[in-house]
Protein backbone atom coordinates (compact mmCIF):
# COMPACT_ATOMS: atom_id res chain seq x y z
CA MET A 1 110.10 107.91 101.91
CA THR A 2 112.42 110.86 102.70
CA SER A 3 110.94 113.94 100.99
CA ALA A 4 113.84 115.86 99.05
CA PRO A 5 113.42 119.83 99.36
CA ASP A 6 111.49 121.37 96.99
CA THR A 7 113.08 122.15 93.80
CA GLY A 8 109.96 122.84 91.71
CA VAL A 9 109.15 125.81 89.69
CA THR A 10 106.47 128.39 89.67
CA GLY A 11 103.16 128.01 86.67
CA ALA A 12 101.01 129.87 85.85
CA THR A 13 98.21 130.36 88.65
CA ALA A 14 94.98 128.73 87.64
CA PRO A 15 91.72 131.40 88.41
CA GLY A 16 90.67 131.25 91.98
CA ALA A 17 94.30 128.95 93.12
CA GLN A 18 96.66 129.91 96.04
CA PRO A 19 100.61 130.50 94.13
CA SER A 20 102.05 127.21 94.85
CA ARG A 21 105.17 125.66 93.58
CA THR A 22 104.61 122.48 91.78
CA PRO A 23 106.88 119.53 92.00
CA ARG A 24 109.14 118.05 89.37
CA ARG A 25 110.04 114.94 90.55
CA LEU A 26 107.84 112.65 92.87
CA ALA A 27 110.05 113.14 95.73
CA ASP A 28 109.43 116.85 96.18
CA VAL A 29 105.43 115.82 95.76
CA PRO A 30 105.14 115.52 100.10
CA SER A 31 106.86 118.86 100.72
CA ALA A 32 104.84 120.82 98.13
CA ALA A 33 101.64 119.22 99.47
CA ALA A 34 102.65 120.08 102.66
CA ALA A 35 103.22 124.03 101.43
CA ALA A 36 100.14 123.67 99.78
CA LEU A 37 98.03 122.10 103.06
CA THR A 38 99.64 124.99 105.14
CA ASP A 39 98.45 127.96 103.21
CA PHE A 40 94.87 126.08 103.40
CA LEU A 41 94.89 125.86 106.69
CA ASP A 42 96.07 129.26 107.47
CA SER A 43 93.38 130.62 105.35
CA ARG A 44 90.92 128.86 107.95
CA THR A 45 92.17 130.53 110.97
CA ALA A 46 90.01 133.59 111.17
CA LEU A 47 87.03 131.33 110.60
CA THR A 48 87.55 129.05 113.67
CA GLY A 49 88.53 132.17 115.70
CA ALA A 50 85.21 133.85 114.93
CA VAL A 51 83.24 130.75 116.31
CA SER A 52 85.26 130.31 119.77
CA PRO A 53 89.23 131.18 120.72
CA VAL A 54 88.85 127.80 122.47
CA PHE A 55 87.63 126.27 119.05
CA ALA A 56 90.66 127.18 117.19
CA ASP A 57 92.58 126.35 119.92
CA ALA A 58 91.16 122.56 119.25
CA VAL A 59 91.40 123.02 115.63
CA ALA A 60 95.16 123.55 115.91
CA GLU A 61 95.57 120.45 117.05
CA MET A 62 94.09 119.09 113.83
CA ARG A 63 96.51 121.24 111.96
CA ALA A 64 99.48 120.07 113.84
CA PHE A 65 98.18 116.39 113.30
CA VAL A 66 97.55 116.92 109.42
CA LEU A 67 101.34 118.73 109.00
CA ARG A 68 103.15 116.46 111.35
CA GLY A 69 105.45 113.51 109.68
CA GLY A 70 103.27 111.31 107.31
CA LYS A 71 104.20 109.96 103.88
CA ARG A 72 102.37 111.57 101.90
CA VAL A 73 101.49 108.67 99.87
CA ARG A 74 97.95 109.66 98.48
CA PRO A 75 99.42 112.92 96.86
CA THR A 76 102.05 111.40 95.74
CA PHE A 77 100.04 108.57 93.70
CA ALA A 78 98.00 111.69 92.50
CA TRP A 79 100.76 113.52 90.93
CA SER A 80 101.54 110.74 89.34
CA GLY A 81 98.60 109.77 87.83
CA TRP A 82 98.38 113.44 86.69
CA ARG A 83 102.04 113.10 85.04
CA CYS A 84 100.89 109.43 83.59
CA ALA A 85 98.22 110.77 81.87
CA GLY A 86 100.63 113.67 80.49
CA GLY A 87 99.77 116.33 83.13
CA GLY A 88 103.41 119.18 82.83
CA VAL A 89 104.50 120.67 85.78
CA ASP A 90 104.67 123.66 84.19
CA VAL A 91 101.49 124.33 82.71
CA PRO A 92 98.69 126.54 84.29
CA GLU A 93 96.43 124.20 85.70
CA ALA A 94 99.21 121.91 87.99
CA THR A 95 98.49 124.33 90.72
CA ALA A 96 94.90 123.48 90.65
CA THR A 97 95.83 119.69 90.33
CA LEU A 98 98.62 119.74 93.14
CA GLN A 99 95.90 121.49 95.58
CA VAL A 100 93.70 118.88 94.79
CA CYS A 101 96.33 116.09 95.20
CA ALA A 102 96.97 117.77 98.83
CA ALA A 103 93.27 117.27 99.71
CA LEU A 104 94.09 113.89 100.31
CA GLU A 105 95.90 114.47 103.22
CA LEU A 106 92.36 116.07 105.03
CA ILE A 107 90.80 112.71 103.80
CA GLN A 108 93.69 110.83 105.88
CA ALA A 109 93.68 112.74 108.77
CA CYS A 110 90.07 112.37 109.21
CA ALA A 111 90.44 108.20 108.64
CA LEU A 112 93.05 108.11 110.78
CA ILE A 113 91.53 110.25 113.52
CA HIS A 114 88.86 108.14 113.70
CA ASP A 115 90.64 104.77 112.71
CA ASP A 116 92.31 105.51 116.26
CA ILE A 117 89.12 105.79 118.37
CA ILE A 118 88.31 102.32 116.74
CA ASP A 119 91.26 100.86 117.47
CA LEU A 120 91.32 102.42 120.69
CA SER A 121 95.01 103.25 119.82
CA ASP A 122 97.45 105.58 122.37
CA THR A 123 99.58 106.90 119.96
CA ARG A 124 100.02 107.76 116.36
CA ARG A 125 103.27 108.64 114.05
CA GLY A 126 104.94 108.93 117.83
CA PHE A 127 102.75 111.31 119.71
CA PRO A 128 99.70 110.98 121.49
CA THR A 129 96.43 109.89 119.03
CA VAL A 130 94.17 112.89 118.65
CA HIS A 131 91.33 111.54 121.57
CA ARG A 132 93.59 110.61 123.91
CA GLU A 133 95.46 114.25 123.73
CA PHE A 134 91.90 115.86 124.42
CA ALA A 135 91.44 113.47 127.43
CA ALA A 136 94.14 114.49 129.10
CA ARG A 137 93.53 117.64 128.38
CA HIS A 138 90.13 117.47 130.14
CA ARG A 139 91.36 115.37 133.10
CA ASP A 140 94.28 118.46 133.52
CA HIS A 141 91.62 121.05 133.71
CA GLY A 142 89.59 119.13 136.11
CA TRP A 143 86.50 119.59 133.66
CA ALA A 144 83.01 117.56 134.67
CA GLY A 145 82.15 114.16 132.80
CA ASP A 146 84.60 111.38 131.24
CA SER A 147 87.49 112.33 130.10
CA ASP A 148 87.99 109.35 127.68
CA HIS A 149 84.13 110.40 126.45
CA PHE A 150 85.12 113.96 126.00
CA GLY A 151 88.23 112.84 124.00
CA MET A 152 86.21 110.61 121.66
CA SER A 153 83.63 112.97 121.11
CA THR A 154 86.17 116.22 120.32
CA ALA A 155 88.14 113.89 118.26
CA ILE A 156 84.99 112.73 116.20
CA LEU A 157 84.15 116.67 115.45
CA LEU A 158 87.70 117.25 114.25
CA GLY A 159 87.91 113.98 111.81
CA ASP A 160 84.64 115.43 110.70
CA LEU A 161 85.86 118.96 110.04
CA ALA A 162 88.99 116.95 108.29
CA LEU A 163 86.56 115.59 105.84
CA SER A 164 84.72 118.89 105.03
CA TRP A 165 87.80 120.91 104.40
CA SER A 166 89.05 118.67 101.85
CA ASP A 167 86.00 119.56 99.93
CA ASP A 168 86.78 123.05 100.37
CA MET A 169 90.31 122.84 99.67
CA VAL A 170 89.13 121.17 96.33
CA ALA A 171 86.64 123.65 95.80
CA ASP A 172 88.79 126.67 96.42
CA ALA A 173 91.89 124.86 94.15
CA GLY A 174 90.66 127.11 90.64
CA LEU A 175 89.80 123.98 88.53
CA ALA A 176 88.43 124.21 85.35
CA PRO A 177 84.46 122.93 85.25
CA GLU A 178 85.42 120.31 82.48
CA ALA A 179 88.63 119.34 85.19
CA ARG A 180 85.76 119.07 88.29
CA ASP A 181 83.63 116.94 86.10
CA ARG A 182 86.27 114.57 85.34
CA MET A 183 87.45 113.94 88.45
CA ALA A 184 83.80 114.42 91.04
CA PRO A 185 82.98 110.48 90.33
CA ILE A 186 86.44 109.32 91.17
CA TRP A 187 86.28 111.66 94.53
CA ALA A 188 82.86 110.34 95.43
CA ALA A 189 83.49 106.90 95.40
CA MET A 190 86.63 107.26 97.10
CA ARG A 191 85.12 108.85 99.83
CA THR A 192 82.59 105.81 99.86
CA GLU A 193 84.76 102.77 99.63
CA VAL A 194 87.46 103.91 102.30
CA LEU A 195 84.08 104.23 104.66
CA GLY A 196 82.52 100.86 103.06
CA GLY A 197 86.06 99.38 103.69
CA GLN A 198 86.22 100.27 107.28
CA TYR A 199 83.00 99.18 108.36
CA LEU A 200 84.06 95.94 106.20
CA ASP A 201 86.89 96.12 108.69
CA ILE A 202 85.16 96.53 112.17
CA LEU A 203 82.40 93.72 110.90
CA SER A 204 84.92 91.07 110.40
CA GLU A 205 86.42 91.77 114.01
CA ALA A 206 82.99 91.36 115.31
CA THR A 207 81.83 88.64 113.77
CA GLY A 208 85.28 86.87 113.75
CA ASP A 209 85.61 86.46 109.67
CA GLU A 210 89.09 84.58 109.34
CA SER A 211 88.47 84.09 105.62
CA PRO A 212 91.30 85.33 103.37
CA GLU A 213 88.20 86.40 101.13
CA ALA A 214 87.15 88.86 104.00
CA ALA A 215 90.59 90.36 104.67
CA ARG A 216 90.79 90.51 100.86
CA ARG A 217 87.79 92.85 100.48
CA VAL A 218 88.92 94.67 103.66
CA MET A 219 92.45 95.33 101.87
CA ARG A 220 90.68 96.20 98.75
CA PHE A 221 88.46 99.06 99.59
CA LYS A 222 90.00 100.12 102.89
CA THR A 223 93.63 100.60 101.79
CA ALA A 224 94.39 99.39 97.88
CA ALA A 225 91.33 101.61 95.90
CA TYR A 226 92.04 104.30 98.52
CA THR A 227 95.88 104.72 99.23
CA VAL A 228 96.85 104.02 95.59
CA THR A 229 93.96 103.23 92.96
CA ARG A 230 91.93 106.40 93.43
CA PRO A 231 94.67 108.75 93.97
CA LEU A 232 96.31 107.55 90.81
CA GLN A 233 92.79 107.91 88.67
CA LEU A 234 92.19 110.75 90.29
CA GLY A 235 95.31 112.62 88.88
CA ALA A 236 94.77 111.09 85.61
CA ALA A 237 91.04 112.63 85.08
CA LEU A 238 92.42 116.26 85.89
CA ALA A 239 95.04 115.56 82.68
CA GLY A 240 92.16 114.56 80.72
CA ALA A 241 93.03 110.17 80.64
CA SER A 242 91.88 108.03 78.26
CA ASP A 243 89.31 105.25 79.55
CA ASP A 244 92.21 102.56 78.47
CA LEU A 245 94.65 104.59 81.20
CA LEU A 246 92.04 105.09 83.15
CA ALA A 247 91.35 101.11 83.68
CA SER A 248 95.79 100.71 83.69
CA LEU A 249 96.02 102.15 86.65
CA ALA A 250 93.06 100.92 88.38
CA THR A 251 95.27 97.34 87.66
CA VAL A 252 98.39 99.03 88.84
CA GLY A 253 96.26 100.49 91.78
CA ASP A 254 95.00 96.93 93.37
CA ASP A 255 98.49 95.70 92.86
CA LEU A 256 100.35 98.08 94.54
CA GLY A 257 97.86 99.08 97.16
CA THR A 258 97.40 95.13 98.20
CA ALA A 259 101.47 94.95 98.19
CA PHE A 260 101.10 98.47 100.27
CA GLN A 261 98.82 96.84 103.06
CA GLN A 262 100.66 93.87 103.28
CA ARG A 263 103.62 95.50 104.04
CA ASP A 264 101.86 97.55 107.10
CA ASP A 265 100.39 94.17 107.96
CA LEU A 266 103.87 92.84 108.36
CA LEU A 267 104.91 95.92 109.63
CA GLY A 268 102.21 95.60 112.29
CA VAL A 269 103.49 93.07 113.84
CA PHE A 270 107.00 92.92 113.09
CA GLY A 271 107.99 96.29 112.90
CA ASP A 272 110.38 98.93 114.95
CA PRO A 273 107.99 101.45 117.48
CA ALA A 274 110.73 103.71 117.18
CA GLN A 275 110.20 103.71 113.03
CA THR A 276 106.57 103.21 112.98
CA GLY A 277 105.70 105.22 115.33
CA LYS A 278 103.11 102.51 116.55
CA PRO A 279 103.63 99.68 119.09
CA SER A 280 104.80 96.47 117.99
CA GLY A 281 101.46 94.39 117.80
CA ASP A 282 98.90 96.49 117.72
CA ASP A 283 96.91 95.03 115.17
CA LEU A 284 96.90 92.05 116.96
CA VAL A 285 95.94 93.57 120.46
CA ALA A 286 93.31 94.97 118.53
CA GLY A 287 91.85 91.90 116.81
CA LYS A 288 92.58 92.71 113.09
CA ARG A 289 92.11 90.02 110.48
CA THR A 290 94.90 90.72 108.39
CA ALA A 291 95.51 88.76 105.09
CA LEU A 292 98.53 87.72 107.28
CA LEU A 293 96.47 86.26 109.99
CA ALA A 294 93.89 84.51 108.05
CA ASP A 295 96.42 82.83 105.91
CA ALA A 296 98.22 81.53 109.37
CA LEU A 297 95.10 80.34 110.54
CA ALA A 298 94.19 78.38 107.51
CA ARG A 299 97.81 76.82 107.42
CA ALA A 300 97.69 76.06 111.47
CA ASP A 301 93.53 74.68 110.98
CA ASP A 302 95.83 72.06 108.26
CA ASN A 303 98.71 71.52 110.18
CA ASP A 304 99.32 72.75 113.77
CA PRO A 305 95.82 72.82 115.86
CA ALA A 306 98.14 73.69 118.78
CA ALA A 307 99.03 77.37 116.68
CA ALA A 308 95.49 77.64 115.89
CA ARG A 309 94.46 77.59 119.25
CA LEU A 310 97.30 80.10 120.46
CA LEU A 311 96.91 82.59 117.55
CA ARG A 312 92.75 82.59 118.41
CA ALA A 313 93.42 82.66 122.00
CA SER A 314 96.09 85.20 121.46
CA VAL A 315 94.68 88.04 118.80
CA GLY A 316 92.23 90.83 120.09
CA HIS A 317 94.24 90.58 123.69
CA PRO A 318 96.71 92.71 125.45
CA LEU A 319 99.94 90.83 124.88
CA THR A 320 103.12 90.79 126.83
CA ASP A 321 106.91 90.64 124.32
CA THR A 322 106.64 87.32 125.36
CA GLN A 323 103.62 86.57 124.29
CA LEU A 324 104.40 88.85 121.08
CA SER A 325 107.96 86.98 120.48
CA GLU A 326 106.02 83.75 120.68
CA ILE A 327 103.22 84.42 118.09
CA ARG A 328 105.64 86.02 115.90
CA GLY A 329 107.74 82.72 115.56
CA VAL A 330 104.05 80.77 114.98
CA LEU A 331 103.65 83.51 111.84
CA THR A 332 106.89 82.21 110.99
CA ASP A 333 107.04 79.02 111.24
CA LEU A 334 103.69 78.25 109.38
CA GLY A 335 105.02 79.95 106.29
CA SER A 336 102.51 82.60 106.35
CA VAL A 337 104.64 85.73 106.47
CA ALA A 338 107.03 83.82 103.85
CA ALA A 339 103.89 83.64 101.47
CA VAL A 340 102.92 87.54 102.57
CA GLU A 341 106.20 88.47 101.19
CA ASP A 342 106.17 86.41 98.50
CA ASP A 343 102.73 88.17 97.34
CA ILE A 344 103.89 91.66 97.44
CA ALA A 345 106.37 90.70 95.27
CA ALA A 346 104.42 88.93 92.90
CA ARG A 347 101.95 92.09 93.40
CA VAL A 348 104.78 94.90 92.32
CA GLU A 349 105.98 93.17 89.57
CA ALA A 350 102.38 93.10 88.11
CA ALA A 351 102.13 96.53 88.17
CA VAL A 352 105.28 97.02 86.70
CA THR A 353 104.17 94.97 84.03
CA GLU A 354 101.03 96.65 83.60
CA LEU A 355 102.90 100.01 83.71
CA ARG A 356 105.59 99.21 81.26
CA SER A 357 103.04 97.78 78.76
CA GLY A 358 100.16 99.77 79.27
CA PRO A 359 99.45 103.24 78.07
CA ALA A 360 101.15 105.63 80.84
CA ASP A 361 103.48 108.17 79.69
CA PRO A 362 106.86 106.27 79.91
CA GLY A 363 108.89 108.61 81.79
CA ALA A 364 106.40 109.06 84.77
CA ALA A 365 105.60 104.98 84.89
CA ASP A 366 109.20 104.48 85.12
CA ASP A 367 109.40 106.93 88.69
CA LEU A 368 106.00 105.40 89.65
CA ILE A 369 107.08 102.15 89.71
CA ALA A 370 109.81 103.14 92.02
CA PHE A 371 107.62 104.90 93.84
CA GLY A 372 105.63 101.71 94.58
CA ARG A 373 109.04 99.83 95.01
CA ARG A 374 110.08 101.40 98.05
CA LEU A 375 107.12 101.51 99.66
CA ALA A 376 106.68 97.60 98.95
CA ASP A 377 109.92 97.73 101.10
CA ARG A 378 109.75 100.03 103.36
CA ALA A 379 110.58 99.90 107.01
CA ALA A 380 108.08 102.42 108.68
């Protein structure tokens, strides 16, 4: 999503919160969240510098990673949840809410930095991954020890720091105690679920679990809950949402989150690296057990043993352009690409139905529907 200039207004500032313009439109959330993140990260400069200039230099790489690119999907869903529950843009609590929404990006930074280590990825958003960047620094300086190990070790620490700072950013937001109490269980569940989903992902790769059920379970906890459901509920809880609205947003989040991940799975195989910022076919090389692959293997086992053998022999191994093209053809010919596209469309429409019939604020629901459609149809 292309972020528009921030045309929000400044509301009254909650106690302890830093002044920040709050977005009137969902399209303004990415720039507003980036401004809140910049303010927070700037406030940590003296703290890291007091440890050591070399530590501050390392943290500067994490800061750049957080602030460069990214669609700010999670803050946008969280702000949408706030609006769906009747949260205003001009009320005193809006500034604190925006800071909590932005803090989700620090959890995302941790998840991406660590995910790139797990997948041994070389690039992210068109730049070297954090562990590759620090491995290169190690080699360039001629330091002792193994460069790759140093890069991974540093990236683990920086990811941990981002996760720690996400809690600090929430603590510094200036939330009222009752708002903090409403969001705390959702925040805690989200952090546990995303780590559990990540473990299920690497476990399915290690065990070779090809079942669609395993793929859906990973999709639910690694992406749908963490990317859509919990952020929606988080924002709504801060606005004092009813249990009925929280349950409705859980239904919406599961459908939109699954659609979002399935689009990501398709882009991982068919996407243009110039737009996605990652090599095409990366998920296949990493051996990701996606719903797309699970569907293809099930169809191939039933109808095309040769295609099944090709898929199993290829996934988890380096691929030439010719091999990648052949696998794309197999996935398409088996009908799996069409099946995933159909499921994406069905899930988006299910979310639309729930939003239009449920207790969400109608105007905010319409904005969320438009945002969900854009994400489900995105090219990057």
